[in-house]
Amino acid sequence: MALVTVEELKTSLGIGNLYADPMLEKVIDAVTDVIEGLVTEESFDAEPAALKEAALILSIDLFQAQNAAGGQQAALDFNPGPYRAGRNFSSRVAGLLANYYKEGSWVG
């Protein structure tokens, strides 16, 4: 089960029908797999608003990493922003996921 719909992602990105649904579904599936691996099964199945918001944020980041020039969105002055889909991909939404982490998903 996906935490974000294709229509929600299209609306948030403001892309209309510019990209095919299967492409966006792959992004959503990848983010859903990441979140599912971090949180408890009960919280994932309950789909709290925090998980949905985290999934939307990460879906936007992953889409931008694949489709924006240089893997990152540029500001209005054409300076690229920082690369956000790196090894700490889920750290941007750690606060949203904090109450739902499963034991053992944090090491160190």
C-alpha atoms as a PDB file:
ATOM      1  CA  MET A   1       0.000   0.000   0.000  1.00  0.00           C
ATOM      2  CA  ALA A   2       1.366   3.401  -0.956  1.00  0.00           C
ATOM      3  CA  LEU A   3       1.407   6.320   1.451  1.00  0.00           C
ATOM      4  CA  VAL A   4       1.192   8.803  -1.440  1.00  0.00           C
ATOM      5  CA  THR A   5      -0.958   8.722  -4.560  1.00  0.00           C
ATOM      6  CA  VAL A   6       0.209   9.663  -8.030  1.00  0.00           C
ATOM      7  CA  GLU A   7      -2.266  12.544  -8.053  1.00  0.00           C
ATOM      8  CA  GLU A   8      -0.906  13.935  -4.764  1.00  0.00           C
ATOM      9  CA  LEU A   9       2.632  13.785  -6.130  1.00  0.00           C
ATOM     10  CA  LYS A  10       1.629  15.447  -9.418  1.00  0.00           C
ATOM     11  CA  THR A  11      -0.156  18.221  -7.543  1.00  0.00           C
ATOM     12  CA  SER A  12       2.775  18.825  -5.183  1.00  0.00           C
ATOM     13  CA  LEU A  13       5.253  18.927  -8.054  1.00  0.00           C
ATOM     14  CA  GLY A  14       2.943  20.999 -10.245  1.00  0.00           C
ATOM     15  CA  ILE A  15       3.672  18.821 -13.273  1.00  0.00           C
ATOM     16  CA  GLY A  16       0.153  18.021 -14.434  1.00  0.00           C
ATOM     17  CA  ASN A  17       0.340  15.161 -16.942  1.00  0.00           C
ATOM     18  CA  LEU A  18       3.888  15.928 -18.063  1.00  0.00           C
ATOM     19  CA  TYR A  19       5.258  12.621 -16.725  1.00  0.00           C
ATOM     20  CA  ALA A  20       3.754   9.165 -17.125  1.00  0.00           C
ATOM     21  CA  ASP A  21       2.024   7.595 -14.126  1.00  0.00           C
ATOM     22  CA  PRO A  22       4.205   4.430 -14.137  1.00  0.00           C
ATOM     23  CA  MET A  23       7.312   6.596 -13.711  1.00  0.00           C
ATOM     24  CA  LEU A  24       5.796   8.372 -10.715  1.00  0.00           C
ATOM     25  CA  GLU A  25       4.558   5.068  -9.287  1.00  0.00           C
ATOM     26  CA  LYS A  26       8.159   3.781  -9.257  1.00  0.00           C
ATOM     27  CA  VAL A  27       9.199   6.813  -7.206  1.00  0.00           C
ATOM     28  CA  ILE A  28       6.317   6.303  -4.788  1.00  0.00           C
ATOM     29  CA  ASP A  29       7.033   2.571  -4.475  1.00  0.00           C
ATOM     30  CA  ALA A  30      10.704   3.211  -3.678  1.00  0.00           C
ATOM     31  CA  VAL A  31       9.851   5.744  -0.968  1.00  0.00           C
ATOM     32  CA  THR A  32       7.153   3.468   0.453  1.00  0.00           C
ATOM     33  CA  ASP A  33       9.731   0.658   0.711  1.00  0.00           C
ATOM     34  CA  VAL A  34      12.174   2.951   2.553  1.00  0.00           C
ATOM     35  CA  ILE A  35       9.576   4.072   5.078  1.00  0.00           C
ATOM     36  CA  GLU A  36       8.171   0.578   5.508  1.00  0.00           C
ATOM     37  CA  GLY A  37      11.644  -0.643   6.432  1.00  0.00           C
ATOM     38  CA  LEU A  38      12.045   2.019   9.123  1.00  0.00           C
ATOM     39  CA  VAL A  39       8.713   2.010  10.950  1.00  0.00           C
ATOM     40  CA  THR A  40       6.699  -0.621  12.787  1.00  0.00           C
ATOM     41  CA  GLU A  41       4.234  -2.695  10.829  1.00  0.00           C
ATOM     42  CA  GLU A  42       1.325  -1.448  12.950  1.00  0.00           C
ATOM     43  CA  SER A  43       2.106   2.209  12.325  1.00  0.00           C
ATOM     44  CA  PHE A  44       2.691   1.612   8.610  1.00  0.00           C
ATOM     45  CA  ASP A  45      -0.681  -0.127   8.294  1.00  0.00           C
ATOM     46  CA  ALA A  46      -2.420   2.671  10.241  1.00  0.00           C
ATOM     47  CA  GLU A  47      -1.024   5.294   7.821  1.00  0.00           C
ATOM     48  CA  PRO A  48      -0.758   8.240  10.232  1.00  0.00           C
ATOM     49  CA  ALA A  49      -0.551  11.716   8.718  1.00  0.00           C
ATOM     50  CA  ALA A  50       3.125  12.036   9.680  1.00  0.00           C
ATOM     51  CA  LEU A  51       4.070   9.020   7.568  1.00  0.00           C
ATOM     52  CA  LYS A  52       2.089  10.331   4.610  1.00  0.00           C
ATOM     53  CA  GLU A  53       3.777  13.720   4.873  1.00  0.00           C
ATOM     54  CA  ALA A  54       7.216  12.101   5.124  1.00  0.00           C
ATOM     55  CA  ALA A  55       6.444   9.946   2.075  1.00  0.00           C
ATOM     56  CA  LEU A  56       5.406  12.990   0.055  1.00  0.00           C
ATOM     57  CA  ILE A  57       8.561  14.915   1.025  1.00  0.00           C
ATOM     58  CA  LEU A  58      10.819  12.005   0.105  1.00  0.00           C
ATOM     59  CA  SER A  59       8.894  11.342  -3.123  1.00  0.00           C
ATOM     60  CA  ILE A  60       9.462  14.925  -4.225  1.00  0.00           C
ATOM     61  CA  ASP A  61      13.163  14.681  -3.364  1.00  0.00           C
ATOM     62  CA  LEU A  62      13.588  11.400  -5.220  1.00  0.00           C
ATOM     63  CA  PHE A  63      11.717  12.697  -8.276  1.00  0.00           C
ATOM     64  CA  GLN A  64      13.888  15.831  -8.324  1.00  0.00           C
ATOM     65  CA  ALA A  65      17.056  13.759  -7.958  1.00  0.00           C
ATOM     66  CA  GLN A  66      16.095  11.798 -11.071  1.00  0.00           C
ATOM     67  CA  ASN A  67      14.707  14.575 -13.245  1.00  0.00           C
ATOM     68  CA  ALA A  68      16.176  17.937 -12.299  1.00  0.00           C
ATOM     69  CA  ALA A  69      19.319  19.105 -14.034  1.00  0.00           C
ATOM     70  CA  GLY A  70      22.321  17.747 -12.167  1.00  0.00           C
ATOM     71  CA  GLY A  71      20.027  15.810  -9.851  1.00  0.00           C
ATOM     72  CA  GLN A  72      18.960  18.905  -7.985  1.00  0.00           C
ATOM     73  CA  GLN A  73      16.515  21.696  -8.391  1.00  0.00           C
ATOM     74  CA  ALA A  74      17.996  25.099  -9.206  1.00  0.00           C
ATOM     75  CA  ALA A  75      16.917  28.309  -7.499  1.00  0.00           C
ATOM     76  CA  LEU A  76      15.588  31.310  -9.410  1.00  0.00           C
ATOM     77  CA  ASP A  77      19.141  32.639  -9.723  1.00  0.00           C
ATOM     78  CA  PHE A  78      20.122  29.310 -11.355  1.00  0.00           C
ATOM     79  CA  ASN A  79      22.358  28.280  -8.456  1.00  0.00           C
ATOM     80  CA  PRO A  80      21.844  24.602  -7.723  1.00  0.00           C
ATOM     81  CA  GLY A  81      20.613  23.580  -4.307  1.00  0.00           C
ATOM     82  CA  PRO A  82      22.287  20.945  -2.170  1.00  0.00           C
ATOM     83  CA  TYR A  83      21.951  17.322  -3.245  1.00  0.00           C
ATOM     84  CA  ARG A  84      19.316  15.953  -0.888  1.00  0.00           C
ATOM     85  CA  ALA A  85      18.849  12.339  -1.926  1.00  0.00           C
ATOM     86  CA  GLY A  86      22.190  11.066  -0.688  1.00  0.00           C
ATOM     87  CA  ARG A  87      23.105   8.527   1.962  1.00  0.00           C
ATOM     88  CA  ASN A  88      21.047  10.371   4.574  1.00  0.00           C
ATOM     89  CA  PHE A  89      17.920  10.247   2.433  1.00  0.00           C
ATOM     90  CA  SER A  90      15.511   9.625   5.303  1.00  0.00           C
ATOM     91  CA  SER A  91      17.194  11.970   7.795  1.00  0.00           C
ATOM     92  CA  ARG A  92      15.199  14.937   6.476  1.00  0.00           C
ATOM     93  CA  VAL A  93      12.016  13.369   7.800  1.00  0.00           C
ATOM     94  CA  ALA A  94      13.426  11.777  10.957  1.00  0.00           C
ATOM     95  CA  GLY A  95      11.285  14.020  13.148  1.00  0.00           C
ATOM     96  CA  LEU A  96       8.118  12.932  11.372  1.00  0.00           C
ATOM     97  CA  LEU A  97       9.048   9.255  11.660  1.00  0.00           C
ATOM     98  CA  ALA A  98      10.451   9.384  15.217  1.00  0.00           C
ATOM     99  CA  ASN A  99       7.342   8.107  17.001  1.00  0.00           C
ATOM    100  CA  TYR A 100       6.988   5.191  14.602  1.00  0.00           C
ATOM    101  CA  TYR A 101      10.515   3.756  14.277  1.00  0.00           C
ATOM    102  CA  LYS A 102      10.833   0.053  14.848  1.00  0.00           C
ATOM    103  CA  GLU A 103      13.365  -1.234  17.316  1.00  0.00           C
ATOM    104  CA  GLY A 104      16.562  -2.186  15.590  1.00  0.00           C
ATOM    105  CA  SER A 105      16.188   0.282  12.715  1.00  0.00           C
ATOM    106  CA  TRP A 106      18.668   2.600  14.443  1.00  0.00           C
ATOM    107  CA  VAL A 107      22.183   1.304  14.924  1.00  0.00           C
ATOM    108  CA  GLY A 108      24.960   3.132  16.731  1.00  0.00           C
END
